[in-house]
Protein backbone atom coordinates (compact mmCIF):
# COMPACT_ATOMS: atom_id res chain seq x y z
CA MET A 1 32.86 -15.96 2.15
CA ARG A 2 31.55 -13.10 4.39
CA PRO A 3 28.86 -14.12 6.86
CA ALA A 4 25.46 -12.61 5.92
CA CYS A 5 24.43 -9.32 7.08
CA ARG A 6 21.00 -8.28 5.82
CA ILE A 7 19.85 -4.70 4.84
CA GLY A 8 17.47 -3.72 7.51
CA ASP A 9 19.37 -5.59 10.36
CA THR A 10 19.29 -3.43 13.59
CA PHE A 11 21.18 -3.32 16.87
CA THR A 12 20.41 -1.16 19.86
CA TYR A 13 23.34 0.22 22.06
CA THR A 14 22.35 1.57 25.35
CA LEU A 15 24.30 3.71 27.75
CA GLN A 16 23.89 5.44 31.08
CA THR A 17 25.21 8.95 30.97
CA THR A 18 27.37 10.25 33.70
CA ASP A 19 28.93 13.56 34.74
CA GLU A 20 32.08 12.74 32.78
CA MET A 21 29.87 12.89 29.59
CA SER A 22 29.02 16.48 30.12
CA ALA A 23 29.43 19.09 27.29
CA ALA A 24 31.11 21.23 29.95
CA ARG A 25 33.97 18.83 29.69
CA PHE A 26 34.79 20.32 26.28
CA GLN A 27 33.79 23.92 26.75
CA ASP A 28 33.50 25.60 30.11
CA SER A 29 30.52 27.63 29.22
CA SER A 30 28.42 24.63 27.99
CA PRO A 31 25.59 23.48 30.03
CA PRO A 32 25.67 20.29 32.11
CA VAL A 33 24.08 18.02 29.36
CA PHE A 34 25.05 15.01 27.56
CA ALA A 35 27.84 15.98 25.13
CA THR A 36 27.69 15.32 21.29
CA PRO A 37 31.14 13.44 21.10
CA PHE A 38 29.72 10.84 23.38
CA LEU A 39 26.60 10.43 21.16
CA VAL A 40 29.02 9.80 18.24
CA GLY A 41 30.58 7.19 20.33
CA ALA A 42 27.13 5.58 20.80
CA VAL A 43 26.46 5.69 17.14
CA GLU A 44 29.90 3.90 16.42
CA ALA A 45 29.15 1.35 18.99
CA ALA A 46 25.69 0.42 17.85
CA SER A 47 26.89 0.14 14.28
CA ALA A 48 30.08 -1.84 15.16
CA ARG A 49 28.25 -4.28 17.33
CA LEU A 50 25.75 -4.80 14.49
CA MET A 51 28.56 -5.60 12.06
CA GLU A 52 30.35 -8.18 14.53
CA PRO A 53 28.56 -11.31 13.29
CA CYS A 54 29.39 -10.13 9.66
CA LEU A 55 33.12 -10.34 10.26
CA GLU A 56 35.34 -13.30 9.22
CA ASP A 57 38.22 -14.49 11.42
CA GLY A 58 41.03 -11.86 11.42
CA GLU A 59 38.79 -9.03 10.39
CA MET A 60 37.65 -5.92 12.35
CA SER A 61 35.64 -2.96 11.46
CA VAL A 62 36.70 0.73 11.60
CA GLY A 63 34.70 3.98 11.29
CA GLY A 64 35.16 5.98 8.23
CA HIS A 65 32.59 8.74 8.38
CA VAL A 66 29.87 10.05 10.58
CA GLU A 67 27.28 12.55 9.67
CA LEU A 68 25.30 13.46 13.00
CA SER A 69 22.55 15.78 14.01
CA HIS A 70 22.20 16.16 17.73
CA THR A 71 18.92 17.99 18.03
CA ARG A 72 17.67 17.73 21.67
CA PRO A 73 19.57 17.95 25.03
CA THR A 74 19.66 15.02 27.61
CA PRO A 75 20.20 15.66 31.29
CA LEU A 76 23.17 13.82 32.80
CA GLY A 77 22.23 10.62 34.57
CA TRP A 78 19.70 9.70 32.02
CA THR A 79 19.83 6.65 29.63
CA VAL A 80 20.63 7.07 25.97
CA ARG A 81 20.17 4.47 23.16
CA ALA A 82 21.36 4.42 19.67
CA VAL A 83 19.43 2.20 17.20
CA ALA A 84 21.65 1.29 14.08
CA ARG A 85 20.11 -0.09 11.05
CA LEU A 86 22.11 -1.36 8.10
CA VAL A 87 21.01 0.39 4.93
CA GLU A 88 23.77 -0.39 2.45
CA GLN A 89 26.51 -2.86 2.01
CA LYS A 90 29.03 -3.28 -0.69
CA ASP A 91 32.01 -5.50 -0.40
CA ARG A 92 33.79 -4.16 2.71
CA LYS A 93 31.79 -0.97 3.06
CA PHE A 94 28.73 -0.89 5.40
CA VAL A 95 26.39 2.10 5.85
CA PHE A 96 24.06 2.67 8.76
CA GLU A 97 21.30 4.97 9.66
CA VAL A 98 21.12 5.54 13.38
CA ALA A 99 18.24 6.90 15.41
CA CYS A 100 19.20 8.18 18.93
CA PHE A 101 16.88 8.54 21.94
CA ASP A 102 16.89 9.51 25.64
CA GLU A 103 14.26 8.38 28.03
CA THR A 104 11.62 10.63 26.56
CA GLU A 105 12.34 11.60 22.97
CA ARG A 106 14.53 11.31 19.91
CA ILE A 107 17.65 13.34 20.42
CA GLY A 108 19.35 12.88 17.10
CA THR A 109 20.06 11.01 13.92
CA ALA A 110 23.21 9.82 12.18
CA ARG A 111 24.52 8.24 9.04
CA HIS A 112 27.57 6.20 9.73
CA THR A 113 29.94 4.41 7.34
CA ARG A 114 32.22 1.52 8.46
CA PHE A 115 34.83 -0.59 6.62
CA VAL A 116 35.92 -4.19 7.20
CA ILE A 117 39.61 -4.38 7.31
CA ASP A 118 42.14 -7.05 7.93
CA ALA A 119 43.16 -6.74 11.66
CA GLU A 120 46.85 -7.77 11.66
CA PRO A 121 48.12 -5.25 9.12
CA PHE A 122 46.25 -2.47 10.72
CA LEU A 123 47.47 -3.39 14.26
CA ALA A 124 51.07 -3.71 12.87
CA MET A 125 50.78 -0.13 11.51
CA VAL A 126 49.55 1.12 15.01
CA ARG A 127 52.49 -0.69 16.68
CA GLU A 128 54.89 0.87 14.25
CA LYS A 129 53.52 4.39 14.71
CA ASP A 130 53.57 3.96 18.44
CA ALA A 131 57.23 3.01 18.40
CA SER A 132 58.25 5.94 16.10
CA PRO A 133 59.37 9.51 17.26
CA ARG A 134 56.22 11.67 18.11
CA GLU A 135 56.80 14.67 15.88
CA VAL A 136 54.52 16.13 13.25
CA ARG A 137 55.70 15.63 9.79
């Protein structure tokens, strides 16, 4: 039986932004601000960490969908936090609403879906893929 996770449970993930997290890393003409792909990572990290106590032995969680609005810029070197709240859970599907902040304001919101999977079959699939020739099929 799956350990209990309650609707409304929250987890806050915090990260210090660095020069390597610049939007300019992805597009030369972008300003030197915290890039959206790293905000997605913070959303996933907050949600995944919230799920950890809900997993049974041999299970892991994987992201399935992210809908994100990144609405305000954050200077590099600032702290960003993502606050995930569990809003829905059915069987192996978990849905989170995530509020994202920097040191002065809300910088975005997200809705993120994660799924519980059995770790070993998934990792076996990764190993098999890694051992196969790398050509597009």
